[in-house]
Amino acid sequence: MTTRAERRATAREAAKQLLRRPPEKKRFRWDYTLGFAGVAVGIVIVLAPPQTAASARIWLLILFGVLVYPALHFADWLLPTKPKWLTYSGSVLLLMLSTFALGQLALSDFLPPLRITRDPYFVAVGPSFIVPNRQSLGDLAAVFEQNGQYTIIPLNVSLFIELTNLQSAQSMIDKYGVAIKTKKGNWVELKRVETRNDEIYWVGSGLQMAKQIGLPRLDALLSLRWLQPRENVRGWSFFEYPPEFSHEEFESTFRVTVGDAAGLVFTSKSLVVGDDKNNMGIQGAMLEVRPTYMDKDLSRAAVKYVP
């Protein structure tokens, strides 16, 4: 049995050995260092924001990369008992959202706002009448009379367009345009033909037997009209090929751009005439052939193109 004096001697010796041991070196902490570096990068972004969208995205990417390692360590310290995949994926997701939020707040002049929304309009097209080139006279033509002389305006493209306002507010269409796809895969903007003051004739059987046609015209239906939410308009619109594309070959594939009075501009996806392979549509495009006594001989009519 050891005496009290021996136990005290042993304790004194252990204390001496402990005092002789050199102090542990504190190891370098990357998580702290990168965390402070990330804070510094964030301060630079706020106080001296980049001047272009490209440089803004690069700075945000650098900030995200610098903070990934500290974020993983922080999540491990905060939730040590949770599964690693859950804490790590959650921390990375939170860091992504925080970086994006900083970019939207501090760099709103250079980064577009996040918009998660449906299309403001529904657009459908078809049927259509198209001619192979600008000089060809198709089945339909616009005609006006001045001082007893008839003038024909060739309609290279006659397109039936359906437009529905999907917004929760009323909308007035201020302008619209149509682009047609070439067989080479390019898009060409068509020149709209104003026909509200003209008559439309069917000339597919020859100019000597031109038959007057009644049809709903999109321009007239949209003029001075507020489209209410979910309201739909359907009508014909008419176009010419631009002179520089007079010999280009085209497909029956269109893209419609709509602009409203509030400044909203919407462009549809590619719309192909004849996509209804199973003939499911029941709302056809209306064409009314007027009585025979309204037929005209337009063989001597002048021809005029849109300037």
C-alpha atoms as a PDB file:
ATOM      1  CA  MET A   1       0.000   0.000   0.000  1.00  0.00           C
ATOM      2  CA  THR A   2       1.369   3.410  -0.987  1.00  0.00           C
ATOM      3  CA  THR A   3       1.571   6.105   1.591  1.00  0.00           C
ATOM      4  CA  ARG A   4       0.176   9.571   1.296  1.00  0.00           C
ATOM      5  CA  ALA A   5       3.688  10.956   0.793  1.00  0.00           C
ATOM      6  CA  GLU A   6       4.300   8.576  -2.140  1.00  0.00           C
ATOM      7  CA  ARG A   7       1.042   9.537  -3.813  1.00  0.00           C
ATOM      8  CA  ARG A   8       1.925  13.201  -3.480  1.00  0.00           C
ATOM      9  CA  ALA A   9       5.352  12.564  -4.994  1.00  0.00           C
ATOM     10  CA  THR A  10       3.800  10.715  -7.940  1.00  0.00           C
ATOM     11  CA  ALA A  11       1.345  13.567  -8.550  1.00  0.00           C
ATOM     12  CA  ARG A  12       4.147  16.149  -8.433  1.00  0.00           C
ATOM     13  CA  GLU A  13       6.152  14.126 -10.966  1.00  0.00           C
ATOM     14  CA  ALA A  14       3.151  13.868 -13.331  1.00  0.00           C
ATOM     15  CA  ALA A  15       2.599  17.618 -13.074  1.00  0.00           C
ATOM     16  CA  LYS A  16       6.270  18.238 -13.924  1.00  0.00           C
ATOM     17  CA  GLN A  17       6.014  15.990 -16.990  1.00  0.00           C
ATOM     18  CA  LEU A  18       2.877  17.839 -18.125  1.00  0.00           C
ATOM     19  CA  LEU A  19       4.577  21.192 -17.799  1.00  0.00           C
ATOM     20  CA  ARG A  20       7.601  19.994 -19.760  1.00  0.00           C
ATOM     21  CA  ARG A  21       5.365  18.914 -22.763  1.00  0.00           C
ATOM     22  CA  PRO A  22       5.450  21.557 -25.545  1.00  0.00           C
ATOM     23  CA  PRO A  23       2.085  23.230 -26.289  1.00  0.00           C
ATOM     24  CA  GLU A  24       0.111  21.849 -29.241  1.00  0.00           C
ATOM     25  CA  LYS A  25       0.314  23.850 -32.436  1.00  0.00           C
ATOM     26  CA  LYS A  26      -3.012  25.109 -33.684  1.00  0.00           C
ATOM     27  CA  ARG A  27      -3.556  23.679 -37.165  1.00  0.00           C
ATOM     28  CA  PHE A  28      -4.531  25.896 -40.063  1.00  0.00           C
ATOM     29  CA  ARG A  29      -8.346  26.163 -40.490  1.00  0.00           C
ATOM     30  CA  TRP A  30      -9.390  26.395 -44.130  1.00  0.00           C
ATOM     31  CA  ASP A  31     -13.043  26.733 -43.198  1.00  0.00           C
ATOM     32  CA  TYR A  32     -12.427  29.924 -41.193  1.00  0.00           C
ATOM     33  CA  THR A  33     -10.045  31.348 -43.806  1.00  0.00           C
ATOM     34  CA  LEU A  34     -12.356  30.726 -46.756  1.00  0.00           C
ATOM     35  CA  GLY A  35     -15.331  31.970 -44.758  1.00  0.00           C
ATOM     36  CA  PHE A  36     -13.645  35.318 -44.143  1.00  0.00           C
ATOM     37  CA  ALA A  37     -12.506  35.396 -47.786  1.00  0.00           C
ATOM     38  CA  GLY A  38     -16.121  34.858 -48.887  1.00  0.00           C
ATOM     39  CA  VAL A  39     -17.264  37.739 -46.685  1.00  0.00           C
ATOM     40  CA  ALA A  40     -14.577  39.912 -48.260  1.00  0.00           C
ATOM     41  CA  VAL A  41     -15.690  38.963 -51.787  1.00  0.00           C
ATOM     42  CA  GLY A  42     -19.301  39.764 -50.856  1.00  0.00           C
ATOM     43  CA  ILE A  43     -18.281  43.189 -49.557  1.00  0.00           C
ATOM     44  CA  VAL A  44     -16.388  43.897 -52.784  1.00  0.00           C
ATOM     45  CA  ILE A  45     -19.451  42.905 -54.862  1.00  0.00           C
ATOM     46  CA  VAL A  46     -21.700  45.235 -52.856  1.00  0.00           C
ATOM     47  CA  LEU A  47     -19.349  48.241 -52.631  1.00  0.00           C
ATOM     48  CA  ALA A  48     -17.774  47.983 -56.096  1.00  0.00           C
ATOM     49  CA  PRO A  49     -20.287  46.080 -58.239  1.00  0.00           C
ATOM     50  CA  PRO A  50     -19.165  44.761 -61.643  1.00  0.00           C
ATOM     51  CA  GLN A  51     -20.317  46.725 -64.668  1.00  0.00           C
ATOM     52  CA  THR A  52     -21.401  43.941 -67.023  1.00  0.00           C
ATOM     53  CA  ALA A  53     -23.680  40.922 -66.751  1.00  0.00           C
ATOM     54  CA  ALA A  54     -20.810  38.555 -67.631  1.00  0.00           C
ATOM     55  CA  SER A  55     -18.484  39.890 -64.923  1.00  0.00           C
ATOM     56  CA  ALA A  56     -21.367  39.888 -62.410  1.00  0.00           C
ATOM     57  CA  ARG A  57     -21.958  36.178 -63.033  1.00  0.00           C
ATOM     58  CA  ILE A  58     -18.221  35.456 -62.719  1.00  0.00           C
ATOM     59  CA  TRP A  59     -18.020  37.243 -59.348  1.00  0.00           C
ATOM     60  CA  LEU A  60     -21.061  35.364 -58.050  1.00  0.00           C
ATOM     61  CA  LEU A  61     -19.518  32.083 -59.198  1.00  0.00           C
ATOM     62  CA  ILE A  62     -16.286  32.939 -57.363  1.00  0.00           C
ATOM     63  CA  LEU A  63     -18.263  33.787 -54.217  1.00  0.00           C
ATOM     64  CA  PHE A  64     -20.134  30.490 -54.393  1.00  0.00           C
ATOM     65  CA  GLY A  65     -16.912  28.496 -54.914  1.00  0.00           C
ATOM     66  CA  VAL A  66     -15.144  30.186 -51.997  1.00  0.00           C
ATOM     67  CA  LEU A  67     -18.017  29.558 -49.578  1.00  0.00           C
ATOM     68  CA  VAL A  68     -18.742  25.902 -50.415  1.00  0.00           C
ATOM     69  CA  TYR A  69     -16.119  24.478 -48.020  1.00  0.00           C
ATOM     70  CA  PRO A  70     -17.087  26.694 -45.049  1.00  0.00           C
ATOM     71  CA  ALA A  71     -20.768  25.938 -45.675  1.00  0.00           C
ATOM     72  CA  LEU A  72     -20.140  22.187 -45.484  1.00  0.00           C
ATOM     73  CA  HIS A  73     -18.235  22.547 -42.208  1.00  0.00           C
ATOM     74  CA  PHE A  74     -20.897  24.804 -40.747  1.00  0.00           C
ATOM     75  CA  ALA A  75     -23.616  22.296 -41.617  1.00  0.00           C
ATOM     76  CA  ASP A  76     -21.560  19.491 -40.062  1.00  0.00           C
ATOM     77  CA  TRP A  77     -21.172  21.507 -36.846  1.00  0.00           C
ATOM     78  CA  LEU A  78     -24.826  22.578 -36.750  1.00  0.00           C
ATOM     79  CA  LEU A  79     -26.345  19.147 -37.446  1.00  0.00           C
ATOM     80  CA  PRO A  80     -23.753  16.536 -36.435  1.00  0.00           C
ATOM     81  CA  THR A  81     -26.274  13.720 -35.980  1.00  0.00           C
ATOM     82  CA  LYS A  82     -28.017  14.038 -39.351  1.00  0.00           C
ATOM     83  CA  PRO A  83     -27.008  11.972 -42.416  1.00  0.00           C
ATOM     84  CA  LYS A  84     -24.059  13.574 -44.186  1.00  0.00           C
ATOM     85  CA  TRP A  85     -25.722  13.579 -47.620  1.00  0.00           C
ATOM     86  CA  LEU A  86     -28.705  15.448 -46.200  1.00  0.00           C
ATOM     87  CA  THR A  87     -26.731  18.140 -44.368  1.00  0.00           C
ATOM     88  CA  TYR A  88     -24.241  18.636 -47.193  1.00  0.00           C
ATOM     89  CA  SER A  89     -26.822  18.828 -50.002  1.00  0.00           C
ATOM     90  CA  GLY A  90     -29.007  21.135 -47.903  1.00  0.00           C
ATOM     91  CA  SER A  91     -26.110  23.465 -47.141  1.00  0.00           C
ATOM     92  CA  VAL A  92     -25.051  23.660 -50.809  1.00  0.00           C
ATOM     93  CA  LEU A  93     -28.639  24.383 -51.877  1.00  0.00           C
ATOM     94  CA  LEU A  94     -28.985  27.097 -49.234  1.00  0.00           C
ATOM     95  CA  LEU A  95     -25.687  28.613 -50.360  1.00  0.00           C
ATOM     96  CA  MET A  96     -26.868  28.661 -53.996  1.00  0.00           C
ATOM     97  CA  LEU A  97     -30.093  30.428 -53.047  1.00  0.00           C
ATOM     98  CA  SER A  98     -28.236  32.932 -50.857  1.00  0.00           C
ATOM     99  CA  THR A  99     -25.737  33.713 -53.635  1.00  0.00           C
ATOM    100  CA  PHE A 100     -28.551  34.171 -56.139  1.00  0.00           C
ATOM    101  CA  ALA A 101     -30.440  36.438 -53.720  1.00  0.00           C
ATOM    102  CA  LEU A 102     -27.321  38.573 -53.203  1.00  0.00           C
ATOM    103  CA  GLY A 103     -26.927  38.875 -56.965  1.00  0.00           C
ATOM    104  CA  GLN A 104     -30.549  39.947 -57.436  1.00  0.00           C
ATOM    105  CA  LEU A 105     -30.314  42.545 -54.657  1.00  0.00           C
ATOM    106  CA  ALA A 106     -26.859  43.966 -55.299  1.00  0.00           C
ATOM    107  CA  LEU A 107     -26.597  43.464 -59.065  1.00  0.00           C
ATOM    108  CA  SER A 108     -30.176  44.013 -60.212  1.00  0.00           C
ATOM    109  CA  ASP A 109     -29.006  46.463 -62.904  1.00  0.00           C
ATOM    110  CA  PHE A 110     -26.967  43.767 -64.649  1.00  0.00           C
ATOM    111  CA  LEU A 111     -28.788  40.497 -63.932  1.00  0.00           C
ATOM    112  CA  PRO A 112     -32.295  39.869 -65.326  1.00  0.00           C
ATOM    113  CA  PRO A 113     -34.936  39.210 -62.660  1.00  0.00           C
ATOM    114  CA  LEU A 114     -36.087  35.658 -62.094  1.00  0.00           C
ATOM    115  CA  ARG A 115     -39.443  35.128 -63.804  1.00  0.00           C
ATOM    116  CA  ILE A 116     -41.375  31.939 -63.356  1.00  0.00           C
ATOM    117  CA  THR A 117     -44.536  32.497 -65.322  1.00  0.00           C
ATOM    118  CA  ARG A 118     -46.611  30.985 -68.069  1.00  0.00           C
ATOM    119  CA  ASP A 119     -46.933  32.463 -71.531  1.00  0.00           C
ATOM    120  CA  PRO A 120     -49.101  35.622 -71.580  1.00  0.00           C
ATOM    121  CA  TYR A 121     -50.800  34.520 -74.801  1.00  0.00           C
ATOM    122  CA  PHE A 122     -51.781  31.316 -76.535  1.00  0.00           C
ATOM    123  CA  VAL A 123     -51.154  31.430 -80.286  1.00  0.00           C
ATOM    124  CA  ALA A 124     -52.163  28.931 -82.957  1.00  0.00           C
ATOM    125  CA  VAL A 125     -51.978  29.170 -86.751  1.00  0.00           C
ATOM    126  CA  GLY A 126     -53.576  27.501 -89.754  1.00  0.00           C
ATOM    127  CA  PRO A 127     -54.804  27.026 -92.325  1.00  0.00           C
ATOM    128  CA  SER A 128     -52.645  29.080 -94.649  1.00  0.00           C
ATOM    129  CA  PHE A 129     -52.165  29.954 -98.313  1.00  0.00           C
ATOM    130  CA  ILE A 130     -48.558  30.552 -99.374  1.00  0.00           C
ATOM    131  CA  VAL A 131     -47.053  31.155-102.806  1.00  0.00           C
ATOM    132  CA  PRO A 132     -43.596  30.026-103.930  1.00  0.00           C
ATOM    133  CA  ASN A 133     -42.161  33.526-104.471  1.00  0.00           C
ATOM    134  CA  ARG A 134     -42.949  37.233-104.215  1.00  0.00           C
ATOM    135  CA  GLN A 135     -43.909  37.658-107.876  1.00  0.00           C
ATOM    136  CA  SER A 136     -46.471  34.824-107.878  1.00  0.00           C
ATOM    137  CA  LEU A 137     -50.160  35.584-107.570  1.00  0.00           C
ATOM    138  CA  GLY A 138     -51.749  33.117-105.163  1.00  0.00           C
ATOM    139  CA  ASP A 139     -55.335  32.086-104.528  1.00  0.00           C
ATOM    140  CA  LEU A 140     -56.192  35.219-102.542  1.00  0.00           C
ATOM    141  CA  ALA A 141     -55.541  38.862-103.414  1.00  0.00           C
ATOM    142  CA  ALA A 142     -56.454  42.217-101.863  1.00  0.00           C
ATOM    143  CA  VAL A 143     -58.171  44.616-104.247  1.00  0.00           C
ATOM    144  CA  PHE A 144     -59.096  48.285-104.018  1.00  0.00           C
ATOM    145  CA  GLU A 145     -60.731  50.667-106.490  1.00  0.00           C
ATOM    146  CA  GLN A 146     -59.681  54.248-107.135  1.00  0.00           C
ATOM    147  CA  ASN A 147     -61.191  56.437-109.871  1.00  0.00           C
ATOM    148  CA  GLY A 148     -62.655  53.390-111.576  1.00  0.00           C
ATOM    149  CA  GLN A 149     -59.300  51.591-111.720  1.00  0.00           C
ATOM    150  CA  TYR A 150     -58.810  48.366-109.755  1.00  0.00           C
ATOM    151  CA  THR A 151     -55.473  47.620-108.117  1.00  0.00           C
ATOM    152  CA  ILE A 152     -54.341  44.192-106.901  1.00  0.00           C
ATOM    153  CA  ILE A 153     -52.090  43.768-103.877  1.00  0.00           C
ATOM    154  CA  PRO A 154     -50.558  40.274-104.031  1.00  0.00           C
ATOM    155  CA  LEU A 155     -50.893  38.265-100.809  1.00  0.00           C
ATOM    156  CA  ASN A 156     -47.881  35.962-100.663  1.00  0.00           C
ATOM    157  CA  VAL A 157     -48.981  34.536 -97.301  1.00  0.00           C
ATOM    158  CA  SER A 158     -52.561  34.373 -96.027  1.00  0.00           C
ATOM    159  CA  LEU A 159     -52.551  32.993 -92.493  1.00  0.00           C
ATOM    160  CA  PHE A 160     -55.374  32.235 -90.067  1.00  0.00           C
ATOM    161  CA  ILE A 161     -54.239  33.187 -86.539  1.00  0.00           C
ATOM    162  CA  GLU A 162     -55.862  32.349 -83.221  1.00  0.00           C
ATOM    163  CA  LEU A 163     -54.893  34.460 -80.202  1.00  0.00           C
ATOM    164  CA  THR A 164     -55.994  34.022 -76.559  1.00  0.00           C
ATOM    165  CA  ASN A 165     -55.163  36.341 -73.652  1.00  0.00           C
ATOM    166  CA  LEU A 166     -53.890  34.107 -70.804  1.00  0.00           C
ATOM    167  CA  GLN A 167     -53.163  36.986 -68.437  1.00  0.00           C
ATOM    168  CA  SER A 168     -55.281  37.836 -65.418  1.00  0.00           C
ATOM    169  CA  ALA A 169     -55.685  41.405 -66.735  1.00  0.00           C
ATOM    170  CA  GLN A 170     -57.177  42.775 -69.929  1.00  0.00           C
ATOM    171  CA  SER A 171     -54.782  43.444 -72.794  1.00  0.00           C
ATOM    172  CA  MET A 172     -54.854  45.606 -75.921  1.00  0.00           C
ATOM    173  CA  ILE A 173     -52.735  44.272 -78.788  1.00  0.00           C
ATOM    174  CA  ASP A 174     -50.719  47.176 -80.153  1.00  0.00           C
ATOM    175  CA  LYS A 175     -48.768  45.299 -82.820  1.00  0.00           C
ATOM    176  CA  TYR A 176     -47.984  41.836 -84.106  1.00  0.00           C
ATOM    177  CA  GLY A 177     -45.670  40.288 -86.626  1.00  0.00           C
ATOM    178  CA  VAL A 178     -45.100  36.928 -88.257  1.00  0.00           C
ATOM    179  CA  ALA A 179     -41.863  35.225 -89.276  1.00  0.00           C
ATOM    180  CA  ILE A 180     -41.746  32.292 -91.693  1.00  0.00           C
ATOM    181  CA  LYS A 181     -39.109  29.561 -91.793  1.00  0.00           C
ATOM    182  CA  THR A 182     -37.119  28.950 -94.957  1.00  0.00           C
ATOM    183  CA  LYS A 183     -36.227  25.485 -96.160  1.00  0.00           C
ATOM    184  CA  LYS A 184     -32.633  26.323 -95.203  1.00  0.00           C
ATOM    185  CA  GLY A 185     -33.738  26.724 -91.572  1.00  0.00           C
ATOM    186  CA  ASN A 186     -33.573  30.542 -91.386  1.00  0.00           C
ATOM    187  CA  TRP A 187     -36.344  32.856 -90.202  1.00  0.00           C
ATOM    188  CA  VAL A 188     -37.634  35.735 -92.348  1.00  0.00           C
ATOM    189  CA  GLU A 189     -39.869  38.515 -91.019  1.00  0.00           C
ATOM    190  CA  LEU A 190     -42.882  38.959 -93.297  1.00  0.00           C
ATOM    191  CA  LYS A 191     -44.283  42.367 -94.308  1.00  0.00           C
ATOM    192  CA  ARG A 192     -47.845  42.736 -93.072  1.00  0.00           C
ATOM    193  CA  VAL A 193     -50.394  43.899 -95.654  1.00  0.00           C
ATOM    194  CA  GLU A 194     -53.043  46.308 -94.358  1.00  0.00           C
ATOM    195  CA  THR A 195     -56.345  45.143 -95.864  1.00  0.00           C
ATOM    196  CA  ARG A 196     -59.020  46.701 -93.669  1.00  0.00           C
ATOM    197  CA  ASN A 197     -60.020  49.094 -96.481  1.00  0.00           C
ATOM    198  CA  ASP A 198     -59.654  46.525 -99.250  1.00  0.00           C
ATOM    199  CA  GLU A 199     -61.754  43.665-100.559  1.00  0.00           C
ATOM    200  CA  ILE A 200     -60.393  40.124-100.646  1.00  0.00           C
ATOM    201  CA  TYR A 201     -60.909  38.129-103.847  1.00  0.00           C
ATOM    202  CA  TRP A 202     -60.384  34.503-104.718  1.00  0.00           C
ATOM    203  CA  VAL A 203     -58.306  34.557-107.913  1.00  0.00           C
ATOM    204  CA  GLY A 204     -57.288  30.917-107.960  1.00  0.00           C
ATOM    205  CA  SER A 205     -59.570  30.312-110.943  1.00  0.00           C
ATOM    206  CA  GLY A 206     -58.145  33.251-112.922  1.00  0.00           C
ATOM    207  CA  LEU A 207     -58.368  37.026-112.778  1.00  0.00           C
ATOM    208  CA  GLN A 208     -61.313  37.087-115.221  1.00  0.00           C
ATOM    209  CA  MET A 209     -63.497  35.234-112.682  1.00  0.00           C
ATOM    210  CA  ALA A 210     -62.332  36.763-109.400  1.00  0.00           C
ATOM    211  CA  LYS A 211     -64.792  35.945-106.623  1.00  0.00           C
ATOM    212  CA  GLN A 212     -65.222  38.233-103.641  1.00  0.00           C
ATOM    213  CA  ILE A 213     -64.589  36.525-100.295  1.00  0.00           C
ATOM    214  CA  GLY A 214     -65.937  37.406 -96.875  1.00  0.00           C
ATOM    215  CA  LEU A 215     -63.695  36.486 -93.978  1.00  0.00           C
ATOM    216  CA  PRO A 216     -62.865  37.638 -90.438  1.00  0.00           C
ATOM    217  CA  ARG A 217     -59.729  39.806 -90.438  1.00  0.00           C
ATOM    218  CA  LEU A 218     -57.466  39.765 -87.429  1.00  0.00           C
ATOM    219  CA  ASP A 219     -56.548  43.447 -87.794  1.00  0.00           C
ATOM    220  CA  ALA A 220     -60.186  44.534 -87.622  1.00  0.00           C
ATOM    221  CA  LEU A 221     -60.932  42.229 -84.672  1.00  0.00           C
ATOM    222  CA  LEU A 222     -58.001  43.612 -82.638  1.00  0.00           C
ATOM    223  CA  SER A 223     -58.500  47.271 -83.497  1.00  0.00           C
ATOM    224  CA  LEU A 224     -59.399  49.392 -80.416  1.00  0.00           C
ATOM    225  CA  ARG A 225     -60.288  46.257 -78.477  1.00  0.00           C
ATOM    226  CA  TRP A 226     -59.310  45.202 -74.976  1.00  0.00           C
ATOM    227  CA  LEU A 227     -58.947  41.434 -74.800  1.00  0.00           C
ATOM    228  CA  GLN A 228     -60.394  40.274 -71.493  1.00  0.00           C
ATOM    229  CA  PRO A 229     -58.731  37.425 -69.534  1.00  0.00           C
ATOM    230  CA  ARG A 230     -59.203  34.119 -71.399  1.00  0.00           C
ATOM    231  CA  GLU A 231     -60.798  35.935 -74.358  1.00  0.00           C
ATOM    232  CA  ASN A 232     -60.021  34.548 -77.784  1.00  0.00           C
ATOM    233  CA  VAL A 233     -59.901  36.163 -81.241  1.00  0.00           C
ATOM    234  CA  ARG A 234     -59.504  34.338 -84.543  1.00  0.00           C
ATOM    235  CA  GLY A 235     -58.996  35.852 -87.963  1.00  0.00           C
ATOM    236  CA  TRP A 236     -57.041  36.043 -91.197  1.00  0.00           C
ATOM    237  CA  SER A 237     -53.890  38.079 -91.628  1.00  0.00           C
ATOM    238  CA  PHE A 238     -52.008  38.805 -94.843  1.00  0.00           C
ATOM    239  CA  PHE A 239     -48.326  39.251 -95.686  1.00  0.00           C
ATOM    240  CA  GLU A 240     -45.769  39.735 -98.449  1.00  0.00           C
ATOM    241  CA  TYR A 241     -42.265  38.342 -98.682  1.00  0.00           C
ATOM    242  CA  PRO A 242     -39.523  40.984 -98.325  1.00  0.00           C
ATOM    243  CA  PRO A 243     -38.006  41.883-101.727  1.00  0.00           C
ATOM    244  CA  GLU A 244     -34.581  40.545-100.725  1.00  0.00           C
ATOM    245  CA  PHE A 245     -36.100  37.076-100.158  1.00  0.00           C
ATOM    246  CA  SER A 246     -38.255  37.022-103.289  1.00  0.00           C
ATOM    247  CA  HIS A 247     -36.753  33.753-104.554  1.00  0.00           C
ATOM    248  CA  GLU A 248     -36.352  31.979-101.215  1.00  0.00           C
ATOM    249  CA  GLU A 249     -38.211  28.696-100.600  1.00  0.00           C
ATOM    250  CA  PHE A 250     -40.381  28.582 -97.485  1.00  0.00           C
ATOM    251  CA  GLU A 251     -42.025  26.021 -95.216  1.00  0.00           C
ATOM    252  CA  SER A 252     -45.454  26.280 -93.579  1.00  0.00           C
ATOM    253  CA  THR A 253     -43.789  26.983 -90.236  1.00  0.00           C
ATOM    254  CA  PHE A 254     -44.400  30.297 -88.505  1.00  0.00           C
ATOM    255  CA  ARG A 255     -43.467  32.280 -85.411  1.00  0.00           C
ATOM    256  CA  VAL A 256     -45.838  34.990 -84.147  1.00  0.00           C
ATOM    257  CA  THR A 257     -44.696  38.014 -82.115  1.00  0.00           C
ATOM    258  CA  VAL A 258     -47.293  40.007 -80.173  1.00  0.00           C
ATOM    259  CA  GLY A 259     -46.810  43.392 -78.466  1.00  0.00           C
ATOM    260  CA  ASP A 260     -49.431  44.984 -76.224  1.00  0.00           C
ATOM    261  CA  ALA A 261     -50.136  48.569 -75.184  1.00  0.00           C
ATOM    262  CA  ALA A 262     -48.349  48.032 -71.851  1.00  0.00           C
ATOM    263  CA  GLY A 263     -45.045  47.244 -73.570  1.00  0.00           C
ATOM    264  CA  LEU A 264     -45.147  43.445 -73.161  1.00  0.00           C
ATOM    265  CA  VAL A 265     -43.649  41.596 -76.136  1.00  0.00           C
ATOM    266  CA  PHE A 266     -44.197  37.859 -76.557  1.00  0.00           C
ATOM    267  CA  THR A 267     -42.901  35.534 -79.281  1.00  0.00           C
ATOM    268  CA  SER A 268     -44.487  32.151 -79.770  1.00  0.00           C
ATOM    269  CA  LYS A 269     -42.662  28.902 -80.323  1.00  0.00           C
ATOM    270  CA  SER A 270     -42.432  27.495 -83.858  1.00  0.00           C
ATOM    271  CA  LEU A 271     -45.958  26.850 -85.118  1.00  0.00           C
ATOM    272  CA  VAL A 272     -46.467  24.327 -87.904  1.00  0.00           C
ATOM    273  CA  VAL A 273     -49.601  24.465 -90.056  1.00  0.00           C
ATOM    274  CA  GLY A 274     -51.195  21.024 -90.285  1.00  0.00           C
ATOM    275  CA  ASP A 275     -50.103  19.708 -86.867  1.00  0.00           C
ATOM    276  CA  ASP A 276     -53.641  18.433 -86.235  1.00  0.00           C
ATOM    277  CA  LYS A 277     -52.967  15.032 -87.806  1.00  0.00           C
ATOM    278  CA  ASN A 278     -56.103  13.410 -86.369  1.00  0.00           C
ATOM    279  CA  ASN A 279     -58.465  16.214 -87.453  1.00  0.00           C
ATOM    280  CA  MET A 280     -59.502  16.908 -83.846  1.00  0.00           C
ATOM    281  CA  GLY A 281     -60.085  20.650 -84.271  1.00  0.00           C
ATOM    282  CA  ILE A 282     -63.685  21.699 -84.879  1.00  0.00           C
ATOM    283  CA  GLN A 283     -63.229  25.497 -85.102  1.00  0.00           C
ATOM    284  CA  GLY A 284     -62.397  25.993 -88.768  1.00  0.00           C
ATOM    285  CA  ALA A 285     -61.220  29.121 -90.549  1.00  0.00           C
ATOM    286  CA  MET A 286     -64.180  30.857 -92.143  1.00  0.00           C
ATOM    287  CA  LEU A 287     -64.283  31.779 -95.850  1.00  0.00           C
ATOM    288  CA  GLU A 288     -67.561  32.959 -97.339  1.00  0.00           C
ATOM    289  CA  VAL A 289     -67.864  33.106-101.121  1.00  0.00           C
ATOM    290  CA  ARG A 290     -70.044  36.050-102.067  1.00  0.00           C
ATOM    291  CA  PRO A 291     -72.818  35.767-104.731  1.00  0.00           C
ATOM    292  CA  THR A 292     -71.819  35.440-108.379  1.00  0.00           C
ATOM    293  CA  TYR A 293     -73.067  38.927-109.303  1.00  0.00           C
ATOM    294  CA  MET A 294     -70.247  40.324-107.139  1.00  0.00           C
ATOM    295  CA  ASP A 295     -67.568  38.631-109.289  1.00  0.00           C
ATOM    296  CA  LYS A 296     -65.040  40.937-110.961  1.00  0.00           C
ATOM    297  CA  ASP A 297     -62.851  40.797-114.029  1.00  0.00           C
ATOM    298  CA  LEU A 298     -59.461  41.878-112.677  1.00  0.00           C
ATOM    299  CA  SER A 299     -57.416  40.977-115.741  1.00  0.00           C
ATOM    300  CA  ARG A 300     -56.744  44.678-116.425  1.00  0.00           C
ATOM    301  CA  ALA A 301     -56.048  45.606-112.811  1.00  0.00           C
ATOM    302  CA  ALA A 302     -52.731  47.133-111.846  1.00  0.00           C
ATOM    303  CA  VAL A 303     -50.464  45.301-109.393  1.00  0.00           C
ATOM    304  CA  LYS A 304     -48.996  47.058-106.387  1.00  0.00           C
ATOM    305  CA  TYR A 305     -46.704  45.763-103.646  1.00  0.00           C
ATOM    306  CA  VAL A 306     -46.354  47.011-100.088  1.00  0.00           C
ATOM    307  CA  PRO A 307     -43.607  49.673-100.058  1.00  0.00           C
END
